[in-house]
Amino acid sequence: MAKKSRYMIVTAMKNEGPYILDWVAHHMSLGFDHFLVVTNDCNDGTDRILDRLAELGHVTHVPNPKMLRRNEGQWQVMALRYAKLFNVYRDAEWIFHSDVDEFLQVNLPEKTLGAFLKQVGECDAVSMTSVPYNSNGQKSLCDEPAPSLFRQRNKPYGALSEEGRPVLNAVKTLYRNSVPFQLRRNHRPLMESFSKDGYVWRDGSGNVLPPSYTDTQIKALDALSSVRYAQLNHYAIRCAEAYLIKVNRGDVASTTRLQKSLKYWNSYNTQGDEDLRYVTPSPLARQIRADFANDPELTDWHNRAVIFHHEMAARILETEEGRALAEKIGYFG
């Protein structure tokens, strides 16, 4: 019988090949012991990397059933609904929804989920507040972990704290699988009677959240008061080259999408405080990543994915729309 997962990440991916191994290694070092990944029609080797990680026992990888009916429903919604059908999901003790551009960070000497939960106390759910980082002025995709490359937050948290101004950021939530939530959504699960039924929901500082949060659909918290012991670093845009690929996703961007994509880039690429706490991966994360590098098949597919993304970026830059977006986000600057 397969070992039941204590802490499992559920996520969806499409063409994230260069980033998977660093992301998995980091979260394994925190104590996550399994990953349920639903993929959306990948062609960069993402599915091959995940298949190999599945053979090694770290991942359950399944294709998104929405590929059979592409014009119906939403990709992420379908992925999360489909994940719930698998016994590996049903048997997990804790579930965490997170994406490959998000790195959960534990701000304690022992950087593990176990240490975090011991610090904050008994609970049934924890909302981890997102802390976005900008592009750090980087143009080209580099084969290193995102926290090592992108070191500047996109808001001046220090100044905002001194001014006493709250900063409402989105959350992602770690929760006990046994809680009978009515809905399980990407940012947080929903249960109208959560607090009334005696369950406890905390934030990354260990604060017990009130019914006005727990029993509603609110999915944001003050990033100044909720990240003492844990936070979710979000590298939404990465570098300029990586962002071109994110926008493209296999299709030439239309004018409408170009305008929307520029707004998204500008919203994340604002200037803020430098944060060097996460530049160096933990010794355990480095060891796990080195173990992955020693697997010839994983290394081969990873390297192919990096090459694929560089070549994809070059093809995007040959299009009028791609060059226009690249110019506007400072790729040629």
C-alpha atoms as a PDB file:
ATOM      1  CA  MET A   1       0.000   0.000   0.000  1.00  0.00           C
ATOM      2  CA  ALA A   2       1.321   3.431  -0.954  1.00  0.00           C
ATOM      3  CA  LYS A   3       2.206   5.759   1.898  1.00  0.00           C
ATOM      4  CA  LYS A   4      -0.470   8.386   2.501  1.00  0.00           C
ATOM      5  CA  SER A   5       0.633  11.977   2.074  1.00  0.00           C
ATOM      6  CA  ARG A   6       0.754  14.297   5.055  1.00  0.00           C
ATOM      7  CA  TYR A   7       1.291  17.557   3.137  1.00  0.00           C
ATOM      8  CA  MET A   8       0.329  17.559  -0.541  1.00  0.00           C
ATOM      9  CA  ILE A   9       0.424  20.327  -3.141  1.00  0.00           C
ATOM     10  CA  VAL A  10      -2.269  20.319  -5.826  1.00  0.00           C
ATOM     11  CA  THR A  11      -1.522  22.405  -8.899  1.00  0.00           C
ATOM     12  CA  ALA A  12      -2.046  22.826 -12.635  1.00  0.00           C
ATOM     13  CA  MET A  13       0.760  23.405 -15.140  1.00  0.00           C
ATOM     14  CA  LYS A  14       1.230  24.316 -18.766  1.00  0.00           C
ATOM     15  CA  ASN A  15       4.734  24.569 -20.238  1.00  0.00           C
ATOM     16  CA  GLU A  16       6.618  25.134 -16.966  1.00  0.00           C
ATOM     17  CA  GLY A  17       9.506  22.781 -17.773  1.00  0.00           C
ATOM     18  CA  PRO A  18      12.499  24.946 -16.738  1.00  0.00           C
ATOM     19  CA  TYR A  19      11.050  25.662 -13.297  1.00  0.00           C
ATOM     20  CA  ILE A  20       9.671  22.352 -12.043  1.00  0.00           C
ATOM     21  CA  LEU A  21      12.728  20.745 -10.436  1.00  0.00           C
ATOM     22  CA  ASP A  22      13.729  23.798  -8.389  1.00  0.00           C
ATOM     23  CA  TRP A  23      10.129  24.284  -7.259  1.00  0.00           C
ATOM     24  CA  VAL A  24       9.602  20.652  -6.264  1.00  0.00           C
ATOM     25  CA  ALA A  25      12.958  20.481  -4.477  1.00  0.00           C
ATOM     26  CA  HIS A  26      12.180  23.619  -2.469  1.00  0.00           C
ATOM     27  CA  HIS A  27       8.776  22.408  -1.343  1.00  0.00           C
ATOM     28  CA  MET A  28      10.010  18.916  -0.555  1.00  0.00           C
ATOM     29  CA  SER A  29      12.557  20.551   1.743  1.00  0.00           C
ATOM     30  CA  LEU A  30       9.670  22.211   3.609  1.00  0.00           C
ATOM     31  CA  GLY A  31       8.020  18.846   4.192  1.00  0.00           C
ATOM     32  CA  PHE A  32       5.616  18.464   1.277  1.00  0.00           C
ATOM     33  CA  ASP A  33       5.713  14.769   0.466  1.00  0.00           C
ATOM     34  CA  HIS A  34       3.603  14.569  -2.689  1.00  0.00           C
ATOM     35  CA  PHE A  35       2.437  16.691  -5.618  1.00  0.00           C
ATOM     36  CA  LEU A  36      -0.737  16.132  -7.629  1.00  0.00           C
ATOM     37  CA  VAL A  37      -0.237  17.918 -10.942  1.00  0.00           C
ATOM     38  CA  VAL A  38      -2.846  18.337 -13.677  1.00  0.00           C
ATOM     39  CA  THR A  39      -1.284  19.448 -16.969  1.00  0.00           C
ATOM     40  CA  ASN A  40      -2.789  21.451 -19.810  1.00  0.00           C
ATOM     41  CA  ASP A  41      -1.543  20.307 -23.217  1.00  0.00           C
ATOM     42  CA  CYS A  42       2.221  20.794 -22.702  1.00  0.00           C
ATOM     43  CA  ASN A  43       4.790  20.653 -25.486  1.00  0.00           C
ATOM     44  CA  ASP A  44       7.981  21.760 -23.699  1.00  0.00           C
ATOM     45  CA  GLY A  45       8.629  18.547 -21.767  1.00  0.00           C
ATOM     46  CA  THR A  46       6.697  19.507 -18.635  1.00  0.00           C
ATOM     47  CA  ASP A  47       4.659  16.304 -18.826  1.00  0.00           C
ATOM     48  CA  ARG A  48       7.823  14.206 -19.317  1.00  0.00           C
ATOM     49  CA  ILE A  49       9.510  15.736 -16.281  1.00  0.00           C
ATOM     50  CA  LEU A  50       6.412  15.082 -14.207  1.00  0.00           C
ATOM     51  CA  ASP A  51       6.143  11.525 -15.498  1.00  0.00           C
ATOM     52  CA  ARG A  52       9.710  10.852 -14.371  1.00  0.00           C
ATOM     53  CA  LEU A  53       9.057  12.442 -10.966  1.00  0.00           C
ATOM     54  CA  ALA A  54       6.003  10.180 -10.762  1.00  0.00           C
ATOM     55  CA  GLU A  55       8.178   7.130 -11.417  1.00  0.00           C
ATOM     56  CA  LEU A  56      10.399   8.293  -8.556  1.00  0.00           C
ATOM     57  CA  GLY A  57       7.351   8.489  -6.279  1.00  0.00           C
ATOM     58  CA  HIS A  58       7.136  12.256  -5.774  1.00  0.00           C
ATOM     59  CA  VAL A  59       4.291  13.174  -8.116  1.00  0.00           C
ATOM     60  CA  THR A  60       0.936  12.023  -9.392  1.00  0.00           C
ATOM     61  CA  HIS A  61       0.632  13.461 -12.903  1.00  0.00           C
ATOM     62  CA  VAL A  62      -2.590  13.444 -14.926  1.00  0.00           C
ATOM     63  CA  PRO A  63      -3.701  15.385 -18.031  1.00  0.00           C
ATOM     64  CA  ASN A  64      -6.515  17.888 -17.674  1.00  0.00           C
ATOM     65  CA  PRO A  65      -9.748  16.294 -18.955  1.00  0.00           C
ATOM     66  CA  LYS A  66     -10.750  19.704 -20.298  1.00  0.00           C
ATOM     67  CA  MET A  67      -8.481  18.967 -23.277  1.00  0.00           C
ATOM     68  CA  LEU A  68     -11.340  16.779 -24.530  1.00  0.00           C
ATOM     69  CA  ARG A  69     -13.748  19.747 -24.450  1.00  0.00           C
ATOM     70  CA  ARG A  70     -11.563  22.819 -24.860  1.00  0.00           C
ATOM     71  CA  ASN A  71     -14.435  25.260 -25.334  1.00  0.00           C
ATOM     72  CA  GLU A  72     -16.252  24.325 -22.147  1.00  0.00           C
ATOM     73  CA  GLY A  73     -15.441  25.525 -18.624  1.00  0.00           C
ATOM     74  CA  GLN A  74     -12.234  26.919 -17.155  1.00  0.00           C
ATOM     75  CA  TRP A  75      -8.893  25.115 -17.140  1.00  0.00           C
ATOM     76  CA  GLN A  76      -8.011  25.653 -13.481  1.00  0.00           C
ATOM     77  CA  VAL A  77     -11.506  24.970 -12.178  1.00  0.00           C
ATOM     78  CA  MET A  78     -11.599  21.703 -14.092  1.00  0.00           C
ATOM     79  CA  ALA A  79      -8.127  20.747 -12.816  1.00  0.00           C
ATOM     80  CA  LEU A  80      -9.081  21.217  -9.168  1.00  0.00           C
ATOM     81  CA  ARG A  81     -12.361  19.350  -9.574  1.00  0.00           C
ATOM     82  CA  TYR A  82     -10.622  16.471 -11.323  1.00  0.00           C
ATOM     83  CA  ALA A  83      -7.907  16.245  -8.651  1.00  0.00           C
ATOM     84  CA  LYS A  84     -10.511  15.486  -5.986  1.00  0.00           C
ATOM     85  CA  LEU A  85     -11.419  12.221  -7.740  1.00  0.00           C
ATOM     86  CA  PHE A  86      -8.047  10.587  -6.996  1.00  0.00           C
ATOM     87  CA  ASN A  87      -7.436   8.518  -3.889  1.00  0.00           C
ATOM     88  CA  VAL A  88      -4.038  10.152  -3.417  1.00  0.00           C
ATOM     89  CA  TYR A  89      -5.954  13.409  -2.901  1.00  0.00           C
ATOM     90  CA  ARG A  90      -8.626  11.874  -0.702  1.00  0.00           C
ATOM     91  CA  ASP A  91      -6.018  10.219   1.538  1.00  0.00           C
ATOM     92  CA  ALA A  92      -3.841  13.315   2.099  1.00  0.00           C
ATOM     93  CA  GLU A  93      -3.909  14.891   5.556  1.00  0.00           C
ATOM     94  CA  TRP A  94      -3.248  18.473   4.419  1.00  0.00           C
ATOM     95  CA  ILE A  95      -3.868  20.072   0.993  1.00  0.00           C
ATOM     96  CA  PHE A  96      -2.185  23.191  -0.379  1.00  0.00           C
ATOM     97  CA  HIS A  97      -3.080  24.814  -3.699  1.00  0.00           C
ATOM     98  CA  SER A  98      -0.077  26.581  -5.173  1.00  0.00           C
ATOM     99  CA  ASP A  99       1.434  27.328  -8.580  1.00  0.00           C
ATOM    100  CA  VAL A 100       4.955  26.786  -9.877  1.00  0.00           C
ATOM    101  CA  ASP A 101       5.666  30.543  -9.760  1.00  0.00           C
ATOM    102  CA  GLU A 102       4.950  30.583  -6.013  1.00  0.00           C
ATOM    103  CA  PHE A 103       7.455  29.574  -3.316  1.00  0.00           C
ATOM    104  CA  LEU A 104       6.159  29.081   0.206  1.00  0.00           C
ATOM    105  CA  GLN A 105       8.744  30.375   2.667  1.00  0.00           C
ATOM    106  CA  VAL A 106       8.914  29.516   6.367  1.00  0.00           C
ATOM    107  CA  ASN A 107      10.481  32.393   8.327  1.00  0.00           C
ATOM    108  CA  LEU A 108      11.806  30.297  11.199  1.00  0.00           C
ATOM    109  CA  PRO A 109      15.259  28.797  11.941  1.00  0.00           C
ATOM    110  CA  GLU A 110      13.823  25.368  11.069  1.00  0.00           C
ATOM    111  CA  LYS A 111      12.276  25.957   7.666  1.00  0.00           C
ATOM    112  CA  THR A 112       9.651  23.237   7.672  1.00  0.00           C
ATOM    113  CA  LEU A 113       5.878  22.991   7.782  1.00  0.00           C
ATOM    114  CA  GLY A 114       6.146  21.022  10.995  1.00  0.00           C
ATOM    115  CA  ALA A 115       8.076  23.832  12.698  1.00  0.00           C
ATOM    116  CA  PHE A 116       5.632  26.410  11.373  1.00  0.00           C
ATOM    117  CA  LEU A 117       2.541  24.584  12.626  1.00  0.00           C
ATOM    118  CA  LYS A 118       4.178  24.003  15.999  1.00  0.00           C
ATOM    119  CA  GLN A 119       4.955  27.720  16.253  1.00  0.00           C
ATOM    120  CA  VAL A 120       1.479  28.994  15.353  1.00  0.00           C
ATOM    121  CA  GLY A 121      -0.507  26.390  17.271  1.00  0.00           C
ATOM    122  CA  GLU A 122      -3.425  24.087  16.551  1.00  0.00           C
ATOM    123  CA  CYS A 123      -5.422  24.935  13.441  1.00  0.00           C
ATOM    124  CA  ASP A 124      -7.422  23.476  10.576  1.00  0.00           C
ATOM    125  CA  ALA A 125      -6.483  25.986   7.877  1.00  0.00           C
ATOM    126  CA  VAL A 126      -3.742  28.562   7.289  1.00  0.00           C
ATOM    127  CA  SER A 127      -3.916  31.289   4.669  1.00  0.00           C
ATOM    128  CA  MET A 128      -0.435  32.161   3.406  1.00  0.00           C
ATOM    129  CA  THR A 129      -0.231  35.729   2.175  1.00  0.00           C
ATOM    130  CA  SER A 130       1.268  36.298  -1.257  1.00  0.00           C
ATOM    131  CA  VAL A 131       4.267  38.639  -1.521  1.00  0.00           C
ATOM    132  CA  PRO A 132       4.910  39.492  -5.207  1.00  0.00           C
ATOM    133  CA  TYR A 133       8.410  40.168  -6.559  1.00  0.00           C
ATOM    134  CA  ASN A 134       9.289  42.204  -9.643  1.00  0.00           C
ATOM    135  CA  SER A 135      11.562  41.267 -12.557  1.00  0.00           C
ATOM    136  CA  ASN A 136      14.673  42.682 -10.851  1.00  0.00           C
ATOM    137  CA  GLY A 137      15.547  44.227 -14.216  1.00  0.00           C
ATOM    138  CA  GLN A 138      16.418  40.853 -15.692  1.00  0.00           C
ATOM    139  CA  LYS A 139      15.875  40.298 -19.391  1.00  0.00           C
ATOM    140  CA  SER A 140      16.864  36.697 -20.161  1.00  0.00           C
ATOM    141  CA  LEU A 141      15.652  33.403 -18.754  1.00  0.00           C
ATOM    142  CA  CYS A 142      18.278  31.978 -16.393  1.00  0.00           C
ATOM    143  CA  ASP A 143      18.378  28.371 -15.184  1.00  0.00           C
ATOM    144  CA  GLU A 144      18.360  29.115 -11.440  1.00  0.00           C
ATOM    145  CA  PRO A 145      15.680  29.065  -8.714  1.00  0.00           C
ATOM    146  CA  ALA A 146      13.386  32.088  -8.846  1.00  0.00           C
ATOM    147  CA  PRO A 147      14.119  33.218  -5.248  1.00  0.00           C
ATOM    148  CA  SER A 148      17.828  33.409  -6.151  1.00  0.00           C
ATOM    149  CA  LEU A 149      17.161  35.619  -9.161  1.00  0.00           C
ATOM    150  CA  PHE A 150      14.346  37.956  -8.157  1.00  0.00           C
ATOM    151  CA  ARG A 151      15.157  39.797  -4.959  1.00  0.00           C
ATOM    152  CA  GLN A 152      13.002  42.880  -4.960  1.00  0.00           C
ATOM    153  CA  ARG A 153       9.403  42.977  -3.776  1.00  0.00           C
ATOM    154  CA  ASN A 154       7.023  45.046  -5.869  1.00  0.00           C
ATOM    155  CA  LYS A 155       5.926  47.259  -2.982  1.00  0.00           C
ATOM    156  CA  PRO A 156       7.837  49.365  -0.392  1.00  0.00           C
ATOM    157  CA  TYR A 157       6.651  47.333   2.582  1.00  0.00           C
ATOM    158  CA  GLY A 158       8.980  49.104   4.997  1.00  0.00           C
ATOM    159  CA  ALA A 159       7.644  52.567   4.208  1.00  0.00           C
ATOM    160  CA  LEU A 160       4.049  51.366   4.131  1.00  0.00           C
ATOM    161  CA  SER A 161       4.505  49.768   7.539  1.00  0.00           C
ATOM    162  CA  GLU A 162       5.879  53.004   9.002  1.00  0.00           C
ATOM    163  CA  GLU A 163       2.883  54.862   7.584  1.00  0.00           C
ATOM    164  CA  GLY A 164       0.521  52.298   9.110  1.00  0.00           C
ATOM    165  CA  ARG A 165      -1.054  51.569   5.734  1.00  0.00           C
ATOM    166  CA  PRO A 166      -2.311  47.980   5.237  1.00  0.00           C
ATOM    167  CA  VAL A 167      -1.312  46.103   2.087  1.00  0.00           C
ATOM    168  CA  LEU A 168      -4.012  43.678   0.989  1.00  0.00           C
ATOM    169  CA  ASN A 169      -2.541  40.780  -0.972  1.00  0.00           C
ATOM    170  CA  ALA A 170      -4.039  37.535  -2.223  1.00  0.00           C
ATOM    171  CA  VAL A 171      -3.641  34.283  -0.284  1.00  0.00           C
ATOM    172  CA  LYS A 172      -3.212  30.585  -0.885  1.00  0.00           C
ATOM    173  CA  THR A 173      -4.434  28.207   1.814  1.00  0.00           C
ATOM    174  CA  LEU A 174      -3.121  25.083   3.510  1.00  0.00           C
ATOM    175  CA  TYR A 175      -6.017  23.142   5.019  1.00  0.00           C
ATOM    176  CA  ARG A 176      -6.909  19.862   6.653  1.00  0.00           C
ATOM    177  CA  ASN A 177      -8.461  17.565   4.094  1.00  0.00           C
ATOM    178  CA  SER A 178     -10.913  16.214   6.679  1.00  0.00           C
ATOM    179  CA  VAL A 179     -12.747  19.537   7.056  1.00  0.00           C
ATOM    180  CA  PRO A 180     -16.087  19.342   5.156  1.00  0.00           C
ATOM    181  CA  PHE A 181     -15.638  22.475   3.050  1.00  0.00           C
ATOM    182  CA  GLN A 182     -18.499  23.332   0.698  1.00  0.00           C
ATOM    183  CA  LEU A 183     -16.118  24.407  -2.068  1.00  0.00           C
ATOM    184  CA  ARG A 184     -12.359  24.111  -2.534  1.00  0.00           C
ATOM    185  CA  ARG A 185     -11.060  26.954  -4.647  1.00  0.00           C
ATOM    186  CA  ASN A 186      -7.589  27.933  -5.756  1.00  0.00           C
ATOM    187  CA  HIS A 187      -7.055  30.695  -3.177  1.00  0.00           C
ATOM    188  CA  ARG A 188      -9.066  29.290  -0.292  1.00  0.00           C
ATOM    189  CA  PRO A 189     -11.792  26.794   0.538  1.00  0.00           C
ATOM    190  CA  LEU A 190     -15.286  27.959   1.485  1.00  0.00           C
ATOM    191  CA  MET A 191     -17.414  26.981   4.479  1.00  0.00           C
ATOM    192  CA  GLU A 192     -20.102  29.305   5.829  1.00  0.00           C
ATOM    193  CA  SER A 193     -20.070  27.719   9.298  1.00  0.00           C
ATOM    194  CA  PHE A 194     -16.303  27.186   9.664  1.00  0.00           C
ATOM    195  CA  SER A 195     -15.792  29.162  12.889  1.00  0.00           C
ATOM    196  CA  LYS A 196     -19.232  28.374  14.257  1.00  0.00           C
ATOM    197  CA  ASP A 197     -18.438  24.662  13.967  1.00  0.00           C
ATOM    198  CA  GLY A 198     -15.328  25.092  16.112  1.00  0.00           C
ATOM    199  CA  TYR A 199     -12.615  24.997  13.467  1.00  0.00           C
ATOM    200  CA  VAL A 200      -9.571  27.305  13.676  1.00  0.00           C
ATOM    201  CA  TRP A 201      -8.128  29.280  10.741  1.00  0.00           C
ATOM    202  CA  ARG A 202      -4.843  31.177  11.085  1.00  0.00           C
ATOM    203  CA  ASP A 203      -2.605  33.402   8.980  1.00  0.00           C
ATOM    204  CA  GLY A 204       1.158  33.215   8.435  1.00  0.00           C
ATOM    205  CA  SER A 205       1.763  35.108  11.684  1.00  0.00           C
ATOM    206  CA  GLY A 206      -0.286  32.646  13.691  1.00  0.00           C
ATOM    207  CA  ASN A 207      -3.190  35.064  14.183  1.00  0.00           C
ATOM    208  CA  VAL A 208      -6.585  33.372  14.523  1.00  0.00           C
ATOM    209  CA  LEU A 209      -8.761  34.752  11.744  1.00  0.00           C
ATOM    210  CA  PRO A 210     -12.302  35.878  12.625  1.00  0.00           C
ATOM    211  CA  PRO A 211     -15.601  34.657  11.125  1.00  0.00           C
ATOM    212  CA  SER A 212     -15.648  37.790   8.955  1.00  0.00           C
ATOM    213  CA  TYR A 213     -12.831  36.073   7.034  1.00  0.00           C
ATOM    214  CA  THR A 214     -13.286  32.363   7.664  1.00  0.00           C
ATOM    215  CA  ASP A 215     -17.027  32.191   6.976  1.00  0.00           C
ATOM    216  CA  THR A 216     -16.943  34.426   3.895  1.00  0.00           C
ATOM    217  CA  GLN A 217     -15.307  34.399   0.460  1.00  0.00           C
ATOM    218  CA  ILE A 218     -12.581  36.952   1.227  1.00  0.00           C
ATOM    219  CA  LYS A 219      -9.264  35.883  -0.318  1.00  0.00           C
ATOM    220  CA  ALA A 220      -6.851  38.635   0.741  1.00  0.00           C
ATOM    221  CA  LEU A 221      -5.014  39.562   3.944  1.00  0.00           C
ATOM    222  CA  ASP A 222      -2.812  42.409   5.136  1.00  0.00           C
ATOM    223  CA  ALA A 223       0.711  41.460   4.060  1.00  0.00           C
ATOM    224  CA  LEU A 224       2.236  43.608   6.801  1.00  0.00           C
ATOM    225  CA  SER A 225       0.700  41.696   9.702  1.00  0.00           C
ATOM    226  CA  SER A 226       0.292  38.153   8.366  1.00  0.00           C
ATOM    227  CA  VAL A 227       3.773  37.000   7.266  1.00  0.00           C
ATOM    228  CA  ARG A 228       5.805  36.749  10.456  1.00  0.00           C
ATOM    229  CA  TYR A 229       6.330  32.977  10.311  1.00  0.00           C
ATOM    230  CA  ALA A 230       5.419  32.138   6.694  1.00  0.00           C
ATOM    231  CA  GLN A 231       4.684  33.855   3.400  1.00  0.00           C
ATOM    232  CA  LEU A 232       4.108  32.911  -0.224  1.00  0.00           C
ATOM    233  CA  ASN A 233       6.667  34.527  -2.504  1.00  0.00           C
ATOM    234  CA  HIS A 234       5.097  35.100  -5.913  1.00  0.00           C
ATOM    235  CA  TYR A 235       7.235  35.424  -9.052  1.00  0.00           C
ATOM    236  CA  ALA A 236       4.384  36.105 -11.460  1.00  0.00           C
ATOM    237  CA  ILE A 237       6.376  37.702 -14.272  1.00  0.00           C
ATOM    238  CA  ARG A 238       9.910  36.378 -13.659  1.00  0.00           C
ATOM    239  CA  CYS A 239      12.146  37.998 -16.317  1.00  0.00           C
ATOM    240  CA  ALA A 240      11.172  39.687 -19.588  1.00  0.00           C
ATOM    241  CA  GLU A 241      11.961  36.638 -21.752  1.00  0.00           C
ATOM    242  CA  ALA A 242      10.024  34.315 -19.459  1.00  0.00           C
ATOM    243  CA  TYR A 243       7.083  36.700 -19.483  1.00  0.00           C
ATOM    244  CA  LEU A 244       6.906  36.690 -23.287  1.00  0.00           C
ATOM    245  CA  ILE A 245       6.583  32.906 -23.135  1.00  0.00           C
ATOM    246  CA  LYS A 246       3.979  33.083 -20.380  1.00  0.00           C
ATOM    247  CA  VAL A 247       1.862  35.429 -22.490  1.00  0.00           C
ATOM    248  CA  ASN A 248       2.321  33.390 -25.620  1.00  0.00           C
ATOM    249  CA  ARG A 249       1.531  29.881 -24.290  1.00  0.00           C
ATOM    250  CA  GLY A 250       1.870  28.536 -27.801  1.00  0.00           C
ATOM    251  CA  ASP A 251      -0.125  31.207 -29.663  1.00  0.00           C
ATOM    252  CA  VAL A 252       0.792  34.595 -31.085  1.00  0.00           C
ATOM    253  CA  ALA A 253      -0.669  37.269 -28.804  1.00  0.00           C
ATOM    254  CA  SER A 254      -3.542  39.274 -30.220  1.00  0.00           C
ATOM    255  CA  THR A 255      -3.697  43.062 -29.897  1.00  0.00           C
ATOM    256  CA  THR A 256      -6.273  42.787 -27.101  1.00  0.00           C
ATOM    257  CA  ARG A 257      -4.200  40.244 -25.225  1.00  0.00           C
ATOM    258  CA  LEU A 258      -1.098  42.371 -25.765  1.00  0.00           C
ATOM    259  CA  GLN A 259      -2.725  45.328 -24.036  1.00  0.00           C
ATOM    260  CA  LYS A 260      -3.957  43.180 -21.154  1.00  0.00           C
ATOM    261  CA  SER A 261      -0.531  41.551 -20.798  1.00  0.00           C
ATOM    262  CA  LEU A 262       1.229  44.907 -20.601  1.00  0.00           C
ATOM    263  CA  LYS A 263      -1.087  45.985 -17.786  1.00  0.00           C
ATOM    264  CA  TYR A 264      -0.319  42.748 -15.903  1.00  0.00           C
ATOM    265  CA  TRP A 265       3.449  43.244 -16.317  1.00  0.00           C
ATOM    266  CA  ASN A 266       3.274  46.846 -15.138  1.00  0.00           C
ATOM    267  CA  SER A 267       1.210  45.900 -12.083  1.00  0.00           C
ATOM    268  CA  TYR A 268       3.872  43.419 -10.924  1.00  0.00           C
ATOM    269  CA  ASN A 269       7.031  45.200 -12.082  1.00  0.00           C
ATOM    270  CA  THR A 270       6.761  48.168  -9.727  1.00  0.00           C
ATOM    271  CA  GLN A 271       9.648  49.067  -7.419  1.00  0.00           C
ATOM    272  CA  GLY A 272       9.753  47.981  -3.789  1.00  0.00           C
ATOM    273  CA  ASP A 273      12.030  46.750  -1.017  1.00  0.00           C
ATOM    274  CA  GLU A 274      14.966  44.442  -1.623  1.00  0.00           C
ATOM    275  CA  ASP A 275      14.626  41.126   0.213  1.00  0.00           C
ATOM    276  CA  LEU A 276      17.698  38.886   0.350  1.00  0.00           C
ATOM    277  CA  ARG A 277      16.414  36.325   2.860  1.00  0.00           C
ATOM    278  CA  TYR A 278      15.563  33.711   0.232  1.00  0.00           C
ATOM    279  CA  VAL A 279      18.457  34.083  -2.220  1.00  0.00           C
ATOM    280  CA  THR A 280      20.233  30.893  -1.125  1.00  0.00           C
ATOM    281  CA  PRO A 281      18.189  27.666  -1.118  1.00  0.00           C
ATOM    282  CA  SER A 282      18.299  25.679   2.106  1.00  0.00           C
ATOM    283  CA  PRO A 283      20.898  22.880   2.362  1.00  0.00           C
ATOM    284  CA  LEU A 284      18.122  20.278   2.083  1.00  0.00           C
ATOM    285  CA  ALA A 285      16.626  21.958  -1.008  1.00  0.00           C
ATOM    286  CA  ARG A 286      20.078  22.013  -2.623  1.00  0.00           C
ATOM    287  CA  GLN A 287      20.588  18.337  -1.822  1.00  0.00           C
ATOM    288  CA  ILE A 288      17.224  17.322  -3.280  1.00  0.00           C
ATOM    289  CA  ARG A 289      17.908  19.392  -6.395  1.00  0.00           C
ATOM    290  CA  ALA A 290      21.333  17.753  -6.741  1.00  0.00           C
ATOM    291  CA  ASP A 291      19.688  14.336  -6.500  1.00  0.00           C
ATOM    292  CA  PHE A 292      17.382  15.320  -9.356  1.00  0.00           C
ATOM    293  CA  ALA A 293      20.408  16.470 -11.375  1.00  0.00           C
ATOM    294  CA  ASN A 294      21.963  13.040 -10.898  1.00  0.00           C
ATOM    295  CA  ASP A 295      19.018  11.418 -12.656  1.00  0.00           C
ATOM    296  CA  PRO A 296      19.945  11.348 -16.384  1.00  0.00           C
ATOM    297  CA  GLU A 297      16.339  11.312 -17.585  1.00  0.00           C
ATOM    298  CA  LEU A 298      15.263  14.253 -15.422  1.00  0.00           C
ATOM    299  CA  THR A 299      18.323  16.243 -16.441  1.00  0.00           C
ATOM    300  CA  ASP A 300      17.765  15.528 -20.124  1.00  0.00           C
ATOM    301  CA  TRP A 301      14.140  16.652 -20.097  1.00  0.00           C
ATOM    302  CA  HIS A 302      14.955  19.682 -17.955  1.00  0.00           C
ATOM    303  CA  ASN A 303      17.701  20.810 -20.343  1.00  0.00           C
ATOM    304  CA  ARG A 304      15.427  20.263 -23.323  1.00  0.00           C
ATOM    305  CA  ALA A 305      12.789  22.440 -21.664  1.00  0.00           C
ATOM    306  CA  VAL A 306      15.263  25.284 -21.104  1.00  0.00           C
ATOM    307  CA  ILE A 307      16.338  25.142 -24.751  1.00  0.00           C
ATOM    308  CA  PHE A 308      12.691  24.992 -25.874  1.00  0.00           C
ATOM    309  CA  HIS A 309      11.863  28.150 -23.920  1.00  0.00           C
ATOM    310  CA  HIS A 310      14.822  30.079 -25.345  1.00  0.00           C
ATOM    311  CA  GLU A 311      13.816  29.030 -28.851  1.00  0.00           C
ATOM    312  CA  MET A 312      10.190  29.904 -28.184  1.00  0.00           C
ATOM    313  CA  ALA A 313      11.185  33.377 -27.023  1.00  0.00           C
ATOM    314  CA  ALA A 314      13.183  33.861 -30.223  1.00  0.00           C
ATOM    315  CA  ARG A 315      10.150  32.874 -32.317  1.00  0.00           C
ATOM    316  CA  ILE A 316       7.907  35.247 -30.373  1.00  0.00           C
ATOM    317  CA  LEU A 317      10.331  38.100 -31.040  1.00  0.00           C
ATOM    318  CA  GLU A 318       9.994  37.449 -34.772  1.00  0.00           C
ATOM    319  CA  THR A 319       6.291  38.384 -34.603  1.00  0.00           C
ATOM    320  CA  GLU A 320       4.985  41.938 -34.680  1.00  0.00           C
ATOM    321  CA  GLU A 321       2.928  41.446 -31.532  1.00  0.00           C
ATOM    322  CA  GLY A 322       5.783  39.760 -29.666  1.00  0.00           C
ATOM    323  CA  ARG A 323       8.290  42.493 -30.503  1.00  0.00           C
ATOM    324  CA  ALA A 324       5.758  45.142 -29.500  1.00  0.00           C
ATOM    325  CA  LEU A 325       5.253  43.586 -26.085  1.00  0.00           C
ATOM    326  CA  ALA A 326       8.993  42.989 -25.632  1.00  0.00           C
ATOM    327  CA  GLU A 327       9.698  46.642 -26.370  1.00  0.00           C
ATOM    328  CA  LYS A 328       7.035  47.849 -23.955  1.00  0.00           C
ATOM    329  CA  ILE A 329       8.325  45.694 -21.065  1.00  0.00           C
ATOM    330  CA  GLY A 330      11.913  46.858 -21.612  1.00  0.00           C
ATOM    331  CA  TYR A 331      13.381  43.734 -23.187  1.00  0.00           C
ATOM    332  CA  PHE A 332      15.466  45.785 -25.664  1.00  0.00           C
ATOM    333  CA  GLY A 333      16.419  48.442 -23.124  1.00  0.00           C
END
